[in-house]
Protein backbone atom coordinates (compact mmCIF):
# COMPACT_ATOMS: atom_id res chain seq x y z
CA UNK A 1 74.09 128.47 129.08
CA UNK A 2 77.73 129.36 128.43
CA UNK A 3 78.74 127.54 131.58
CA UNK A 4 76.94 124.40 130.41
CA UNK A 5 78.61 124.63 127.02
CA UNK A 6 82.03 124.97 128.63
CA UNK A 7 81.31 121.98 130.86
CA UNK A 8 80.30 119.87 127.85
CA UNK A 9 83.44 120.93 125.95
CA UNK A 10 85.64 120.21 128.96
CA UNK A 11 84.11 116.75 129.20
CA UNK A 12 84.25 115.87 125.50
CA UNK A 13 87.73 117.16 124.66
CA UNK A 14 89.56 114.53 126.73
CA UNK A 15 87.28 111.83 125.31
CA UNK A 16 88.04 112.93 121.76
CA UNK A 17 91.73 113.06 122.58
CA UNK A 18 91.69 109.55 124.04
CA UNK A 19 89.97 108.17 120.95
CA UNK A 20 93.14 108.64 118.90
CA UNK A 21 95.54 106.77 121.13
CA UNK A 22 97.09 103.35 120.91
CA UNK A 23 97.36 102.23 124.54
CA UNK A 24 99.90 99.49 123.83
CA UNK A 25 102.28 101.85 122.03
CA UNK A 26 101.75 104.49 124.68
CA UNK A 27 102.36 102.16 127.62
CA UNK A 28 105.33 100.47 125.98
CA UNK A 29 107.02 103.75 125.13
CA UNK A 30 106.17 105.62 128.32
CA UNK A 31 107.70 102.84 130.40
CA UNK A 32 111.15 103.71 129.00
CA UNK A 33 113.60 105.18 131.48
CA UNK A 34 114.85 108.15 129.49
CA UNK A 35 113.07 110.80 127.47
CA UNK A 36 115.26 110.07 124.44
CA UNK A 37 114.46 106.36 124.64
CA UNK A 38 110.75 107.11 124.98
CA UNK A 39 110.74 109.42 121.95
CA UNK A 40 112.73 106.91 119.88
CA UNK A 41 110.16 104.26 120.80
CA UNK A 42 107.27 106.50 119.75
CA UNK A 43 109.00 107.19 116.41
CA UNK A 44 109.57 103.46 115.87
CA UNK A 45 105.93 102.67 116.67
CA UNK A 46 104.77 105.39 114.28
CA UNK A 47 107.03 104.15 111.47
CA UNK A 48 105.82 100.57 111.99
CA UNK A 49 102.19 101.72 111.87
CA UNK A 50 102.85 103.62 108.64
CA UNK A 51 104.37 100.48 107.09
CA UNK A 52 101.38 98.45 108.24
CA UNK A 53 99.02 100.97 106.68
CA UNK A 54 100.90 101.00 103.37
CA UNK A 55 100.92 97.19 103.31
CA UNK A 56 97.17 97.09 103.95
CA UNK A 57 96.54 99.64 101.19
CA UNK A 58 98.48 97.45 98.75
CA UNK A 59 96.63 94.35 99.93
CA UNK A 60 93.26 95.97 99.32
CA UNK A 61 94.35 97.37 95.94
CA UNK A 62 95.41 93.86 94.96
CA UNK A 63 92.09 92.42 96.12
CA UNK A 64 90.22 95.06 94.11
CA UNK A 65 92.33 94.22 91.05
CA UNK A 66 91.73 90.49 91.27
CA UNK A 67 88.17 90.32 92.59
CA UNK A 68 86.16 93.25 91.24
CA UNK A 69 85.95 92.42 87.56
CA UNK A 70 82.97 94.61 86.64
CA UNK A 71 83.91 97.81 88.50
CA UNK A 72 87.69 97.56 88.86
CA UNK A 73 88.52 101.02 87.49
CA UNK A 74 85.90 102.81 89.55
CA UNK A 75 86.86 100.92 92.71
CA UNK A 76 90.56 101.74 92.26
CA UNK A 77 89.71 105.41 91.78
CA UNK A 78 87.53 105.47 94.91
CA UNK A 79 90.18 103.66 96.93
CA UNK A 80 92.84 106.16 95.84
CA UNK A 81 90.55 109.05 96.82
CA UNK A 82 89.69 107.42 100.14
CA UNK A 83 93.37 106.90 100.96
CA UNK A 84 94.15 110.55 100.16
CA UNK A 85 91.21 111.81 102.22
CA UNK A 86 92.19 109.58 105.10
CA UNK A 87 95.65 111.19 105.12
CA UNK A 88 94.05 114.66 105.13
CA UNK A 89 91.83 113.65 108.05
CA UNK A 90 94.78 112.11 109.93
CA UNK A 91 96.88 115.23 109.47
CA UNK A 92 94.12 117.52 110.76
CA UNK A 93 93.06 115.24 113.62
CA UNK A 94 96.57 114.64 114.87
CA UNK A 95 97.44 118.34 114.59
CA UNK A 96 94.41 118.92 116.81
CA UNK A 97 95.74 116.32 119.25
CA UNK A 98 99.05 118.17 119.39
CA UNK A 99 97.22 121.45 120.06
CA UNK A 100 95.21 119.76 122.80
CA UNK A 101 98.52 119.25 124.62
CA UNK A 102 98.37 123.02 125.28
CA UNK A 103 101.92 123.80 124.21
CA UNK A 104 103.47 121.19 126.45
CA UNK A 105 106.64 119.45 125.33
CA UNK A 106 104.62 116.30 124.74
CA UNK A 107 102.77 117.82 121.75
CA UNK A 108 104.95 116.10 119.10
CA UNK A 109 104.63 112.81 120.98
CA UNK A 110 100.85 113.17 121.15
CA UNK A 111 100.79 113.82 117.40
CA UNK A 112 102.86 110.72 116.62
CA UNK A 113 100.82 108.55 118.99
CA UNK A 114 97.66 109.81 117.29
CA UNK A 115 99.08 108.97 113.86
CA UNK A 116 100.07 105.52 115.11
CA UNK A 117 96.62 104.75 116.50
CA UNK A 118 94.76 106.02 113.44
CA UNK A 119 97.07 104.21 111.01
CA UNK A 120 96.71 100.92 112.88
CA UNK A 121 92.93 101.23 112.91
CA UNK A 122 92.82 102.14 109.22
CA UNK A 123 95.10 99.20 108.37
CA UNK A 124 92.78 96.87 110.29
CA UNK A 125 89.75 98.24 108.42
CA UNK A 126 91.44 97.89 105.02
CA UNK A 127 92.46 94.30 105.77
CA UNK A 128 88.89 93.47 106.76
CA UNK A 129 87.62 94.94 103.49
CA UNK A 130 90.21 92.96 101.50
CA UNK A 131 89.12 89.76 103.28
CA UNK A 132 85.50 90.51 102.50
CA UNK A 133 86.35 90.76 98.78
CA UNK A 134 88.11 87.40 98.66
């Protein structure tokens, strides 16, 4: 029984870890020749994803303001809560990703790549919701 459980965990952990990766950012940055250049690339990708997320949050807030006449206040409140909870989830999930690196030097990189992937996906989802409202 314990052996089966360990086998399942060993199988699922890499799958969960891969779910929070942005392959394009990863491939682009890992193709750099030096470690410093690679890390700078990962930081740039992460910063760009954060900007994209913030832009998408503003876009959706604007769509809520202009399109939801009957429930504007409630929708704004829920969006604010959802954004805060997303950040809590992202922090916990990406900290887990860093721990999954097992103390290797790549742990901070894994955490930033996780943040990048999650932020890009969240931005995409928020944009889709904003489009649906318009």
